[in-house]
Structures are given as structure tokens and as C-alpha cells.
Amino acid sequence: MPPAPSFVDLQPSAGSFLEDVLQGLGSTPKAISPKYFYDARGSELFEAISGLPEYYPTRTELALTRDCAADIAAAVGAGCLLIEFGSGASLKTGLLLRALHPAAYVPVDIAADALKAAAKRVAQQFPDLPVVAVCADYMRPLEVPALKDIAAPRLIYFPGSTIGNLTPAEALEFLRRARELAGRGGAMLVGVDLKKDPQRLHAAYNDAQGVTAEFNLNLLRRINRELGADFDPGLFRHVAFYDAAAGRIEMHLESRVGQTVTVAGQRFVFAAGERLHTENSCKYSVAEFRRLAQSAGYAAESVWVDGEALFSLHLLRG
């Protein structure tokens, strides 16, 4: 039997979730971070989204990673400590693990159940690879004492274009923190969704089966279950659109009627048509993202792009 992966629990307390929800509902406009999409049900729904015909990013990035894994490994070198932010199901990771032969693999994710399941699968597939699963919010400064004993250059892997959930200013700060974690001689491999036909973007976030809508509405069900709120998901509808000026998809939950919602004893009024902003997904040109990375102190070393110019992988040096 392969050794079980070790597990480090740095998950934020339930109080952090409550604090962020109360703050977000009390702001103008109302907004809640997309990191709270990923309870067990939300993680299942996102995996379903990844397989939808309209949703090109996952299959495009997977094919691009498969095609470029050897080149990435040649650029990075063998024996690194591979730290993956937002590991999810770790589908693309296996391609990198086979090419890189890392000293250890450290998946980091805020969704504990999905993280444990993914880490177990990786440990079974790579029985000689040390796996240290870290349940944490990687959008905040991250310190993992267990990593200090692994003497290997660090490669931070951030797939899935999750970098697009951040505004450019937030992404800049995030990249700076990641560069500090990677340390001297470290690097970062980032998946970045590219600007493209707005109709294709619209379809990707408004799928015909309604899975993305269910994923969005599941956030309300999670708030009800974990925070004792009384949202009626049937009184909200999924709204997603591309803002060309901002270069991003925006996702919202729009109140169908005027209503009042209670969370932890606090009341929040929604006017009919008022929206709760749940996600941004910024799209970049290759040049735009390289400039952003350079502003964060990286050398933008290499970039790989698929044949349709839908998606890109950027190798950055600290």
C-alpha cells in the first residue's frame, strides 16, 4: 500500500466565513468572494462544469499541459517541490508530476474534502512521491512549517485561470506573495485564460444545462446550511456577462423580487433586480499578463498557448 498523504489543516475558521459574508452583504454593491463556492457540493458542480461542451478552459488547458509537459519540465528542471494552489481534482497535475519527477507534491486548497480525496488519488498513482496536503486559503499569506524541511527549489503551480478571479490589483499583490513563498531560485507556472470572442465567453458561463447557474446558487445553500441564513435560492437567478471594457466575465445572483434575508440575526434588504456579485473572471492577452507578472517582480520566462489561442501557461521566475 502507498503511504497515506500527510494533512496540514490551516483552514480558516467558520467565523471567517461568517465575517466575510456579513461584510459582503453589507457592502454596496453586495459581493461575496468566489472562494466560498467550493464546499463539497460546489466542488462536485465545478467538476461537472469542467466537462460541459461550452466550457472550453479545462479541456483546453489539459490538452495544452499534455502537449507542453516535456518542455515545461526541461525549463523547470527535475527535483522541485511542486506546490499547487487550488488543486481541485488534480487532473492536470498528474501530467506535470510524470514530467517533473518532483521531490514532493503539496496541494493547497480551501475545500478539505475535495483536497483529501485528490491527495489520496495522487498518492495512489505515485506511491514513491511524498504528498503533503494543506487545507488553507491560499489567497492569504501562507506559511507551512512542514515545507521548511524540504530542500528543493519551489515551483508554485496555479492552474485553471483562477488568477482571473482577482482584479488586476489583487492579482498583482497575490503574485508578489507567491514569489515570496517560492523563494530564491523559485518559479511559478500559471494558467491564464485569454481574451476571445465574447459570444464564446458568454456561452461558457451560461451553459444550456444550467450547471453553472446551479453552481452559483449553491453558494446561497451553503450560507443557509453553515451560517443559519434563510436565503430562498428560488428567488434569485444566475446572471453572467462579459464586460469588454474591464476584460472580464462577471457572475451575479439577481434578486427576482424585493425581499429581506437574515444571516446570523442580521437583516439584509434586496430590491427587485438587485445583484449579489459572486465572481469575476478576468481575461488577459499574453502581453497584458506578462506585464502584470513583471510588475510583481517576476521574469516572464516562457509562455505556451494552444492552437486556437484560447488559453496560456506562463512560466515565471522569481
C-alpha atoms as a PDB file:
ATOM      1  CA  MET A   1       0.000   0.000   0.000  1.00  0.00           C
ATOM      2  CA  PRO A   2       1.306   3.525  -0.797  1.00  0.00           C
ATOM      3  CA  PRO A   3       1.863   5.762   2.223  1.00  0.00           C
ATOM      4  CA  ALA A   4      -1.099   7.960   3.070  1.00  0.00           C
ATOM      5  CA  PRO A   5      -0.598  11.663   2.309  1.00  0.00           C
ATOM      6  CA  SER A   6       0.001  13.847   5.321  1.00  0.00           C
ATOM      7  CA  PHE A   7      -2.575  16.539   6.011  1.00  0.00           C
ATOM      8  CA  VAL A   8      -1.999  20.034   7.394  1.00  0.00           C
ATOM      9  CA  ASP A   9      -5.158  21.844   8.491  1.00  0.00           C
ATOM     10  CA  LEU A  10      -4.823  25.610   8.157  1.00  0.00           C
ATOM     11  CA  GLN A  11      -8.432  26.071   7.090  1.00  0.00           C
ATOM     12  CA  PRO A  12      -9.926  29.417   8.165  1.00  0.00           C
ATOM     13  CA  SER A  13     -12.473  29.166  10.966  1.00  0.00           C
ATOM     14  CA  ALA A  14     -16.197  29.264  10.321  1.00  0.00           C
ATOM     15  CA  GLY A  15     -16.035  32.717  11.869  1.00  0.00           C
ATOM     16  CA  SER A  16     -14.048  33.940   8.877  1.00  0.00           C
ATOM     17  CA  PHE A  17     -16.778  32.744   6.522  1.00  0.00           C
ATOM     18  CA  LEU A  18     -19.452  34.482   8.576  1.00  0.00           C
ATOM     19  CA  GLU A  19     -17.420  37.664   8.841  1.00  0.00           C
ATOM     20  CA  ASP A  20     -16.832  37.790   5.086  1.00  0.00           C
ATOM     21  CA  VAL A  21     -20.496  37.084   4.274  1.00  0.00           C
ATOM     22  CA  LEU A  22     -21.774  39.763   6.645  1.00  0.00           C
ATOM     23  CA  GLN A  23     -19.280  42.268   5.321  1.00  0.00           C
ATOM     24  CA  GLY A  24     -20.094  41.390   1.708  1.00  0.00           C
ATOM     25  CA  LEU A  25     -23.862  41.615   2.155  1.00  0.00           C
ATOM     26  CA  GLY A  26     -23.449  44.932   3.953  1.00  0.00           C
ATOM     27  CA  SER A  27     -21.363  46.484   1.200  1.00  0.00           C
ATOM     28  CA  THR A  28     -22.536  48.463  -1.814  1.00  0.00           C
ATOM     29  CA  PRO A  29     -22.816  46.724  -4.189  1.00  0.00           C
ATOM     30  CA  LYS A  30     -23.261  43.425  -2.369  1.00  0.00           C
ATOM     31  CA  ALA A  31     -20.484  40.896  -3.075  1.00  0.00           C
ATOM     32  CA  ILE A  32     -19.137  37.588  -1.736  1.00  0.00           C
ATOM     33  CA  SER A  33     -15.780  36.041  -2.655  1.00  0.00           C
ATOM     34  CA  PRO A  34     -15.860  33.133  -5.145  1.00  0.00           C
ATOM     35  CA  LYS A  35     -13.594  31.121  -2.838  1.00  0.00           C
ATOM     36  CA  TYR A  36     -16.751  30.230  -0.895  1.00  0.00           C
ATOM     37  CA  PHE A  37     -18.249  28.395  -3.872  1.00  0.00           C
ATOM     38  CA  TYR A  38     -16.247  25.294  -3.009  1.00  0.00           C
ATOM     39  CA  ASP A  39     -17.993  23.274  -0.369  1.00  0.00           C
ATOM     40  CA  ALA A  40     -18.374  19.578  -1.211  1.00  0.00           C
ATOM     41  CA  ARG A  41     -21.389  20.197  -3.467  1.00  0.00           C
ATOM     42  CA  GLY A  42     -19.781  23.212  -5.095  1.00  0.00           C
ATOM     43  CA  SER A  43     -16.649  21.200  -5.877  1.00  0.00           C
ATOM     44  CA  GLU A  44     -18.806  18.471  -7.472  1.00  0.00           C
ATOM     45  CA  LEU A  45     -20.647  21.035  -9.562  1.00  0.00           C
ATOM     46  CA  PHE A  46     -17.440  22.656 -10.741  1.00  0.00           C
ATOM     47  CA  GLU A  47     -16.114  19.289 -11.870  1.00  0.00           C
ATOM     48  CA  ALA A  48     -19.362  18.885 -13.824  1.00  0.00           C
ATOM     49  CA  ILE A  49     -18.906  22.347 -15.361  1.00  0.00           C
ATOM     50  CA  SER A  50     -15.401  21.367 -16.445  1.00  0.00           C
ATOM     51  CA  GLY A  51     -16.849  18.642 -18.675  1.00  0.00           C
ATOM     52  CA  LEU A  52     -19.535  20.751 -20.354  1.00  0.00           C
ATOM     53  CA  PRO A  53     -19.247  21.304 -24.114  1.00  0.00           C
ATOM     54  CA  GLU A  54     -19.475  25.089 -23.708  1.00  0.00           C
ATOM     55  CA  TYR A  55     -16.771  25.265 -21.055  1.00  0.00           C
ATOM     56  CA  TYR A  56     -13.530  25.258 -23.021  1.00  0.00           C
ATOM     57  CA  PRO A  57     -10.930  26.229 -20.335  1.00  0.00           C
ATOM     58  CA  THR A  58     -10.476  22.866 -18.600  1.00  0.00           C
ATOM     59  CA  ARG A  59     -10.129  20.666 -21.662  1.00  0.00           C
ATOM     60  CA  THR A  60      -8.006  23.279 -23.455  1.00  0.00           C
ATOM     61  CA  GLU A  61      -5.628  23.658 -20.518  1.00  0.00           C
ATOM     62  CA  LEU A  62      -5.460  19.895 -20.071  1.00  0.00           C
ATOM     63  CA  ALA A  63      -4.507  19.373 -23.728  1.00  0.00           C
ATOM     64  CA  LEU A  64      -2.014  22.250 -23.602  1.00  0.00           C
ATOM     65  CA  THR A  65      -0.395  20.830 -20.474  1.00  0.00           C
ATOM     66  CA  ARG A  66      -0.188  17.389 -22.065  1.00  0.00           C
ATOM     67  CA  ASP A  67       1.435  18.841 -25.191  1.00  0.00           C
ATOM     68  CA  CYS A  68       3.901  21.038 -23.310  1.00  0.00           C
ATOM     69  CA  ALA A  69       4.722  18.962 -20.203  1.00  0.00           C
ATOM     70  CA  ALA A  70       8.124  17.882 -21.506  1.00  0.00           C
ATOM     71  CA  ASP A  71       9.042  21.470 -22.414  1.00  0.00           C
ATOM     72  CA  ILE A  72       7.878  22.699 -19.021  1.00  0.00           C
ATOM     73  CA  ALA A  73       9.960  20.025 -17.280  1.00  0.00           C
ATOM     74  CA  ALA A  74      13.007  20.946 -19.349  1.00  0.00           C
ATOM     75  CA  ALA A  75      12.608  24.594 -18.369  1.00  0.00           C
ATOM     76  CA  VAL A  76      11.954  23.908 -14.672  1.00  0.00           C
ATOM     77  CA  GLY A  77      14.350  21.011 -14.076  1.00  0.00           C
ATOM     78  CA  ALA A  78      13.787  17.820 -12.104  1.00  0.00           C
ATOM     79  CA  GLY A  79      13.528  17.520  -8.344  1.00  0.00           C
ATOM     80  CA  CYS A  80      11.492  20.616  -7.499  1.00  0.00           C
ATOM     81  CA  LEU A  81       8.997  20.973  -4.656  1.00  0.00           C
ATOM     82  CA  LEU A  82       5.698  21.294  -6.515  1.00  0.00           C
ATOM     83  CA  ILE A  83       3.159  23.435  -4.644  1.00  0.00           C
ATOM     84  CA  GLU A  84      -0.254  23.585  -6.291  1.00  0.00           C
ATOM     85  CA  PHE A  85      -2.738  26.317  -5.389  1.00  0.00           C
ATOM     86  CA  GLY A  86      -6.379  25.313  -5.808  1.00  0.00           C
ATOM     87  CA  SER A  87      -5.639  21.699  -6.561  1.00  0.00           C
ATOM     88  CA  GLY A  88      -9.278  20.622  -7.007  1.00  0.00           C
ATOM     89  CA  ALA A  89      -9.331  17.135  -8.534  1.00  0.00           C
ATOM     90  CA  SER A  90      -5.642  17.439  -9.549  1.00  0.00           C
ATOM     91  CA  LEU A  91      -6.410  16.164 -13.078  1.00  0.00           C
ATOM     92  CA  LYS A  92      -3.787  18.274 -14.840  1.00  0.00           C
ATOM     93  CA  THR A  93      -1.293  17.721 -12.052  1.00  0.00           C
ATOM     94  CA  GLY A  94      -0.592  14.098 -12.983  1.00  0.00           C
ATOM     95  CA  LEU A  95       0.821  15.234 -16.310  1.00  0.00           C
ATOM     96  CA  LEU A  96       3.260  17.550 -14.554  1.00  0.00           C
ATOM     97  CA  LEU A  97       4.185  15.021 -11.897  1.00  0.00           C
ATOM     98  CA  ARG A  98       5.147  12.471 -14.539  1.00  0.00           C
ATOM     99  CA  ALA A  99       7.246  15.032 -16.402  1.00  0.00           C
ATOM    100  CA  LEU A 100       8.837  16.855 -13.449  1.00  0.00           C
ATOM    101  CA  HIS A 101       9.635  13.971 -11.050  1.00  0.00           C
ATOM    102  CA  PRO A 102       9.377  16.392  -8.105  1.00  0.00           C
ATOM    103  CA  ALA A 103      10.892  15.872  -4.669  1.00  0.00           C
ATOM    104  CA  ALA A 104       7.432  16.297  -3.119  1.00  0.00           C
ATOM    105  CA  TYR A 105       3.932  17.451  -4.025  1.00  0.00           C
ATOM    106  CA  VAL A 106       1.990  19.938  -1.880  1.00  0.00           C
ATOM    107  CA  PRO A 107      -1.632  20.521  -2.968  1.00  0.00           C
ATOM    108  CA  VAL A 108      -3.229  23.534  -1.269  1.00  0.00           C
ATOM    109  CA  ASP A 109      -6.995  24.014  -1.301  1.00  0.00           C
ATOM    110  CA  ILE A 110      -9.677  25.536   0.913  1.00  0.00           C
ATOM    111  CA  ALA A 111     -12.134  22.647   0.279  1.00  0.00           C
ATOM    112  CA  ALA A 112     -10.961  19.996   2.753  1.00  0.00           C
ATOM    113  CA  ASP A 113     -12.952  17.001   1.482  1.00  0.00           C
ATOM    114  CA  ALA A 114     -12.035  17.510  -2.174  1.00  0.00           C
ATOM    115  CA  LEU A 115      -8.415  18.124  -1.171  1.00  0.00           C
ATOM    116  CA  LYS A 116      -8.150  14.903   0.830  1.00  0.00           C
ATOM    117  CA  ALA A 117      -9.713  12.863  -1.970  1.00  0.00           C
ATOM    118  CA  ALA A 118      -7.387  14.358  -4.594  1.00  0.00           C
ATOM    119  CA  ALA A 119      -4.293  13.900  -2.413  1.00  0.00           C
ATOM    120  CA  LYS A 120      -5.218  10.267  -1.824  1.00  0.00           C
ATOM    121  CA  ARG A 121      -5.580   9.662  -5.572  1.00  0.00           C
ATOM    122  CA  VAL A 122      -2.183  11.238  -6.269  1.00  0.00           C
ATOM    123  CA  ALA A 123      -0.547   9.157  -3.525  1.00  0.00           C
ATOM    124  CA  GLN A 124      -2.011   6.004  -5.080  1.00  0.00           C
ATOM    125  CA  GLN A 125      -0.842   6.941  -8.570  1.00  0.00           C
ATOM    126  CA  PHE A 126       2.647   7.978  -7.407  1.00  0.00           C
ATOM    127  CA  PRO A 127       3.459   5.738  -4.422  1.00  0.00           C
ATOM    128  CA  ASP A 128       7.059   6.966  -4.139  1.00  0.00           C
ATOM    129  CA  LEU A 129       6.097  10.642  -4.077  1.00  0.00           C
ATOM    130  CA  PRO A 130       5.744  12.400  -0.696  1.00  0.00           C
ATOM    131  CA  VAL A 131       2.383  14.216  -0.644  1.00  0.00           C
ATOM    132  CA  VAL A 132       1.626  16.930   1.923  1.00  0.00           C
ATOM    133  CA  ALA A 133      -1.957  18.207   1.562  1.00  0.00           C
ATOM    134  CA  VAL A 134      -2.541  21.664   3.048  1.00  0.00           C
ATOM    135  CA  CYS A 135      -6.073  22.886   3.701  1.00  0.00           C
ATOM    136  CA  ALA A 136      -5.738  26.665   3.596  1.00  0.00           C
ATOM    137  CA  ASP A 137      -6.887  29.858   1.929  1.00  0.00           C
ATOM    138  CA  TYR A 138      -4.009  30.436  -0.472  1.00  0.00           C
ATOM    139  CA  MET A 139      -5.369  33.897  -1.269  1.00  0.00           C
ATOM    140  CA  ARG A 140      -3.993  34.963   2.101  1.00  0.00           C
ATOM    141  CA  PRO A 141      -0.332  34.935   3.200  1.00  0.00           C
ATOM    142  CA  LEU A 142       0.649  31.290   3.604  1.00  0.00           C
ATOM    143  CA  GLU A 143       3.207  29.770   5.963  1.00  0.00           C
ATOM    144  CA  VAL A 144       3.561  25.985   6.030  1.00  0.00           C
ATOM    145  CA  PRO A 145       6.199  24.894   8.578  1.00  0.00           C
ATOM    146  CA  ALA A 146       6.287  21.346   7.144  1.00  0.00           C
ATOM    147  CA  LEU A 147       7.750  22.686   3.890  1.00  0.00           C
ATOM    148  CA  LYS A 148      10.863  24.107   5.526  1.00  0.00           C
ATOM    149  CA  ASP A 149      12.407  20.649   5.801  1.00  0.00           C
ATOM    150  CA  ILE A 150      12.177  20.003   2.038  1.00  0.00           C
ATOM    151  CA  ALA A 151      15.381  21.339   0.491  1.00  0.00           C
ATOM    152  CA  ALA A 152      14.381  21.758  -3.162  1.00  0.00           C
ATOM    153  CA  PRO A 153      13.648  24.687  -5.453  1.00  0.00           C
ATOM    154  CA  ARG A 154       9.961  25.534  -5.340  1.00  0.00           C
ATOM    155  CA  LEU A 155       7.567  25.615  -8.273  1.00  0.00           C
ATOM    156  CA  ILE A 156       4.157  27.080  -7.495  1.00  0.00           C
ATOM    157  CA  TYR A 157       1.539  25.731  -9.883  1.00  0.00           C
ATOM    158  CA  PHE A 158      -1.653  27.785 -10.246  1.00  0.00           C
ATOM    159  CA  PRO A 159      -3.802  26.230 -12.988  1.00  0.00           C
ATOM    160  CA  GLY A 160      -7.375  26.760 -14.087  1.00  0.00           C
ATOM    161  CA  SER A 161      -7.152  30.512 -14.700  1.00  0.00           C
ATOM    162  CA  THR A 162      -8.147  31.108 -11.076  1.00  0.00           C
ATOM    163  CA  ILE A 163      -5.850  34.134 -11.265  1.00  0.00           C
ATOM    164  CA  GLY A 164      -8.716  35.664 -13.271  1.00  0.00           C
ATOM    165  CA  ASN A 165     -10.972  35.686 -10.190  1.00  0.00           C
ATOM    166  CA  LEU A 166      -8.831  38.519  -8.886  1.00  0.00           C
ATOM    167  CA  THR A 167      -8.878  42.100 -10.073  1.00  0.00           C
ATOM    168  CA  PRO A 168      -5.568  43.137 -11.679  1.00  0.00           C
ATOM    169  CA  ALA A 169      -4.611  44.959  -8.457  1.00  0.00           C
ATOM    170  CA  GLU A 170      -5.442  41.885  -6.354  1.00  0.00           C
ATOM    171  CA  ALA A 171      -3.605  39.648  -8.824  1.00  0.00           C
ATOM    172  CA  LEU A 172      -0.520  41.839  -8.552  1.00  0.00           C
ATOM    173  CA  GLU A 173      -0.465  41.504  -4.764  1.00  0.00           C
ATOM    174  CA  PHE A 174      -1.164  37.775  -4.971  1.00  0.00           C
ATOM    175  CA  LEU A 175       1.718  37.231  -7.401  1.00  0.00           C
ATOM    176  CA  ARG A 176       4.047  39.139  -5.088  1.00  0.00           C
ATOM    177  CA  ARG A 177       3.102  36.889  -2.148  1.00  0.00           C
ATOM    178  CA  ALA A 178       3.531  33.783  -4.280  1.00  0.00           C
ATOM    179  CA  ARG A 179       7.002  34.968  -5.326  1.00  0.00           C
ATOM    180  CA  GLU A 180       7.937  35.277  -1.651  1.00  0.00           C
ATOM    181  CA  LEU A 181       6.679  31.748  -0.950  1.00  0.00           C
ATOM    182  CA  ALA A 182       8.607  30.362  -3.931  1.00  0.00           C
ATOM    183  CA  GLY A 183      11.760  31.957  -2.549  1.00  0.00           C
ATOM    184  CA  ARG A 184      15.172  32.317  -4.100  1.00  0.00           C
ATOM    185  CA  GLY A 185      15.516  30.208  -7.226  1.00  0.00           C
ATOM    186  CA  GLY A 186      11.776  29.500  -7.258  1.00  0.00           C
ATOM    187  CA  ALA A 187       9.308  29.760 -10.106  1.00  0.00           C
ATOM    188  CA  MET A 188       5.576  29.876 -10.814  1.00  0.00           C
ATOM    189  CA  LEU A 189       3.526  28.197 -13.551  1.00  0.00           C
ATOM    190  CA  VAL A 190       0.206  29.998 -14.062  1.00  0.00           C
ATOM    191  CA  GLY A 191      -2.792  29.138 -16.230  1.00  0.00           C
ATOM    192  CA  VAL A 192      -4.307  32.250 -17.804  1.00  0.00           C
ATOM    193  CA  ASP A 193      -7.476  32.416 -19.884  1.00  0.00           C
ATOM    194  CA  LEU A 194      -7.042  34.608 -22.952  1.00  0.00           C
ATOM    195  CA  LYS A 195      -9.291  37.286 -24.416  1.00  0.00           C
ATOM    196  CA  LYS A 196     -11.522  35.928 -27.188  1.00  0.00           C
ATOM    197  CA  ASP A 197     -14.896  36.158 -28.902  1.00  0.00           C
ATOM    198  CA  PRO A 198     -17.414  37.469 -26.294  1.00  0.00           C
ATOM    199  CA  GLN A 199     -20.050  35.014 -27.560  1.00  0.00           C
ATOM    200  CA  ARG A 200     -17.813  32.088 -26.715  1.00  0.00           C
ATOM    201  CA  LEU A 201     -17.202  33.537 -23.261  1.00  0.00           C
ATOM    202  CA  HIS A 202     -20.921  34.107 -22.715  1.00  0.00           C
ATOM    203  CA  ALA A 203     -21.734  30.502 -23.616  1.00  0.00           C
ATOM    204  CA  ALA A 204     -19.055  29.152 -21.265  1.00  0.00           C
ATOM    205  CA  TYR A 205     -20.652  30.831 -18.248  1.00  0.00           C
ATOM    206  CA  ASN A 206     -24.299  30.356 -19.289  1.00  0.00           C
ATOM    207  CA  ASP A 207     -24.382  26.676 -20.236  1.00  0.00           C
ATOM    208  CA  ALA A 208     -27.527  25.176 -21.709  1.00  0.00           C
ATOM    209  CA  GLN A 209     -27.853  22.583 -18.928  1.00  0.00           C
ATOM    210  CA  GLY A 210     -27.855  25.210 -16.189  1.00  0.00           C
ATOM    211  CA  VAL A 211     -24.977  23.635 -14.249  1.00  0.00           C
ATOM    212  CA  THR A 212     -23.194  26.974 -13.824  1.00  0.00           C
ATOM    213  CA  ALA A 213     -26.410  28.518 -12.562  1.00  0.00           C
ATOM    214  CA  GLU A 214     -26.739  25.714 -10.004  1.00  0.00           C
ATOM    215  CA  PHE A 215     -23.090  26.209  -9.012  1.00  0.00           C
ATOM    216  CA  ASN A 216     -23.745  29.911  -8.424  1.00  0.00           C
ATOM    217  CA  LEU A 217     -26.964  29.318  -6.469  1.00  0.00           C
ATOM    218  CA  ASN A 218     -25.277  26.655  -4.331  1.00  0.00           C
ATOM    219  CA  LEU A 219     -23.433  29.487  -2.592  1.00  0.00           C
ATOM    220  CA  LEU A 220     -26.744  30.554  -1.040  1.00  0.00           C
ATOM    221  CA  ARG A 221     -27.479  26.995   0.069  1.00  0.00           C
ATOM    222  CA  ARG A 222     -24.066  26.796   1.699  1.00  0.00           C
ATOM    223  CA  ILE A 223     -24.667  30.057   3.572  1.00  0.00           C
ATOM    224  CA  ASN A 224     -28.031  28.720   4.752  1.00  0.00           C
ATOM    225  CA  ARG A 225     -26.559  25.413   5.923  1.00  0.00           C
ATOM    226  CA  GLU A 226     -23.382  26.669   7.578  1.00  0.00           C
ATOM    227  CA  LEU A 227     -24.448  30.103   8.834  1.00  0.00           C
ATOM    228  CA  GLY A 228     -28.133  29.544   9.602  1.00  0.00           C
ATOM    229  CA  ALA A 229     -29.330  32.012   6.961  1.00  0.00           C
ATOM    230  CA  ASP A 230     -32.735  31.973   5.264  1.00  0.00           C
ATOM    231  CA  PHE A 231     -31.979  32.625   1.592  1.00  0.00           C
ATOM    232  CA  ASP A 232     -34.589  31.215  -0.791  1.00  0.00           C
ATOM    233  CA  PRO A 233     -32.482  30.242  -3.832  1.00  0.00           C
ATOM    234  CA  GLY A 234     -35.666  30.136  -5.930  1.00  0.00           C
ATOM    235  CA  LEU A 235     -35.977  33.903  -5.504  1.00  0.00           C
ATOM    236  CA  PHE A 236     -32.602  34.521  -7.176  1.00  0.00           C
ATOM    237  CA  ARG A 237     -31.404  33.916 -10.717  1.00  0.00           C
ATOM    238  CA  HIS A 238     -27.942  33.375 -12.199  1.00  0.00           C
ATOM    239  CA  VAL A 239     -26.594  36.270 -14.288  1.00  0.00           C
ATOM    240  CA  ALA A 240     -23.262  36.140 -16.139  1.00  0.00           C
ATOM    241  CA  PHE A 241     -21.991  38.531 -18.793  1.00  0.00           C
ATOM    242  CA  TYR A 242     -18.773  39.760 -20.391  1.00  0.00           C
ATOM    243  CA  ASP A 243     -17.699  43.329 -19.618  1.00  0.00           C
ATOM    244  CA  ALA A 244     -15.468  44.160 -22.581  1.00  0.00           C
ATOM    245  CA  ALA A 245     -14.179  47.409 -21.057  1.00  0.00           C
ATOM    246  CA  ALA A 246     -12.998  45.609 -17.910  1.00  0.00           C
ATOM    247  CA  GLY A 247     -11.947  42.497 -19.852  1.00  0.00           C
ATOM    248  CA  ARG A 248     -13.811  40.129 -17.561  1.00  0.00           C
ATOM    249  CA  ILE A 249     -16.795  37.874 -17.100  1.00  0.00           C
ATOM    250  CA  GLU A 250     -18.921  38.874 -14.117  1.00  0.00           C
ATOM    251  CA  MET A 251     -21.215  36.433 -12.293  1.00  0.00           C
ATOM    252  CA  HIS A 252     -24.068  37.631 -10.105  1.00  0.00           C
ATOM    253  CA  LEU A 253     -27.129  36.364  -8.303  1.00  0.00           C
ATOM    254  CA  GLU A 254     -30.034  38.668  -9.073  1.00  0.00           C
ATOM    255  CA  SER A 255     -32.988  39.015  -6.729  1.00  0.00           C
ATOM    256  CA  ARG A 256     -36.218  38.265  -8.596  1.00  0.00           C
ATOM    257  CA  VAL A 257     -38.321  40.200  -6.049  1.00  0.00           C
ATOM    258  CA  GLY A 258     -37.924  42.680  -3.233  1.00  0.00           C
ATOM    259  CA  GLN A 259     -37.013  40.643  -0.169  1.00  0.00           C
ATOM    260  CA  THR A 260     -35.253  40.601   3.183  1.00  0.00           C
ATOM    261  CA  VAL A 261     -32.719  37.913   4.114  1.00  0.00           C
ATOM    262  CA  THR A 262     -31.439  37.157   7.613  1.00  0.00           C
ATOM    263  CA  VAL A 263     -27.914  35.905   8.341  1.00  0.00           C
ATOM    264  CA  ALA A 264     -26.780  35.410  11.945  1.00  0.00           C
ATOM    265  CA  GLY A 265     -29.545  37.689  13.172  1.00  0.00           C
ATOM    266  CA  GLN A 266     -28.687  40.496  10.760  1.00  0.00           C
ATOM    267  CA  ARG A 267     -31.217  41.544   8.139  1.00  0.00           C
ATOM    268  CA  PHE A 268     -30.261  42.472   4.575  1.00  0.00           C
ATOM    269  CA  VAL A 269     -32.694  44.031   2.115  1.00  0.00           C
ATOM    270  CA  PHE A 270     -32.591  43.165  -1.590  1.00  0.00           C
ATOM    271  CA  ALA A 271     -34.521  45.307  -4.045  1.00  0.00           C
ATOM    272  CA  ALA A 272     -36.089  43.547  -7.027  1.00  0.00           C
ATOM    273  CA  GLY A 273     -33.349  43.278  -9.650  1.00  0.00           C
ATOM    274  CA  GLU A 274     -30.529  43.931  -7.155  1.00  0.00           C
ATOM    275  CA  ARG A 275     -27.473  41.760  -7.706  1.00  0.00           C
ATOM    276  CA  LEU A 276     -25.078  39.944  -5.408  1.00  0.00           C
ATOM    277  CA  HIS A 277     -21.684  39.861  -7.178  1.00  0.00           C
ATOM    278  CA  THR A 278     -20.173  36.393  -6.764  1.00  0.00           C
ATOM    279  CA  GLU A 279     -17.281  36.160  -9.238  1.00  0.00           C
ATOM    280  CA  ASN A 280     -15.037  37.957 -11.689  1.00  0.00           C
ATOM    281  CA  SER A 281     -13.132  36.026 -14.332  1.00  0.00           C
ATOM    282  CA  CYS A 282     -10.605  38.381 -15.892  1.00  0.00           C
ATOM    283  CA  LYS A 283      -9.241  37.578 -19.333  1.00  0.00           C
ATOM    284  CA  TYR A 284      -5.803  38.739 -20.467  1.00  0.00           C
ATOM    285  CA  SER A 285      -3.779  38.965 -23.609  1.00  0.00           C
ATOM    286  CA  VAL A 286      -0.382  37.277 -23.353  1.00  0.00           C
ATOM    287  CA  ALA A 287       1.324  40.673 -23.306  1.00  0.00           C
ATOM    288  CA  GLU A 288      -1.002  42.016 -20.592  1.00  0.00           C
ATOM    289  CA  PHE A 289      -0.309  39.128 -18.261  1.00  0.00           C
ATOM    290  CA  ARG A 290       3.441  39.239 -18.851  1.00  0.00           C
ATOM    291  CA  ARG A 291       3.425  42.925 -17.916  1.00  0.00           C
ATOM    292  CA  LEU A 292       1.447  42.126 -14.753  1.00  0.00           C
ATOM    293  CA  ALA A 293       3.930  39.403 -13.778  1.00  0.00           C
ATOM    294  CA  GLN A 294       6.875  41.680 -14.381  1.00  0.00           C
ATOM    295  CA  SER A 295       5.254  44.343 -12.172  1.00  0.00           C
ATOM    296  CA  ALA A 296       5.157  41.706  -9.409  1.00  0.00           C
ATOM    297  CA  GLY A 297       8.911  41.202  -9.723  1.00  0.00           C
ATOM    298  CA  TYR A 298       8.969  38.130 -11.966  1.00  0.00           C
ATOM    299  CA  ALA A 299      10.928  37.480 -15.104  1.00  0.00           C
ATOM    300  CA  ALA A 300       8.336  36.288 -17.639  1.00  0.00           C
ATOM    301  CA  GLU A 301      10.437  33.388 -18.933  1.00  0.00           C
ATOM    302  CA  SER A 302       8.223  31.230 -21.181  1.00  0.00           C
ATOM    303  CA  VAL A 303       4.641  31.053 -22.397  1.00  0.00           C
ATOM    304  CA  TRP A 304       2.746  28.212 -24.079  1.00  0.00           C
ATOM    305  CA  VAL A 305      -0.509  28.836 -25.991  1.00  0.00           C
ATOM    306  CA  ASP A 306      -2.914  26.345 -27.579  1.00  0.00           C
ATOM    307  CA  GLY A 307      -3.536  26.319 -31.327  1.00  0.00           C
ATOM    308  CA  GLU A 308      -6.797  28.299 -31.079  1.00  0.00           C
ATOM    309  CA  ALA A 309      -5.237  30.929 -28.769  1.00  0.00           C
ATOM    310  CA  LEU A 310      -7.849  30.226 -26.079  1.00  0.00           C
ATOM    311  CA  PHE A 311      -5.559  29.570 -23.119  1.00  0.00           C
ATOM    312  CA  SER A 312      -1.989  30.136 -21.980  1.00  0.00           C
ATOM    313  CA  LEU A 313       0.529  28.730 -19.484  1.00  0.00           C
ATOM    314  CA  HIS A 314       3.137  31.165 -18.187  1.00  0.00           C
ATOM    315  CA  LEU A 315       6.414  30.188 -16.530  1.00  0.00           C
ATOM    316  CA  LEU A 316       7.606  32.968 -14.256  1.00  0.00           C
ATOM    317  CA  ARG A 317      10.934  33.235 -12.438  1.00  0.00           C
ATOM    318  CA  GLY A 318      11.222  34.976  -9.078  1.00  0.00           C
END
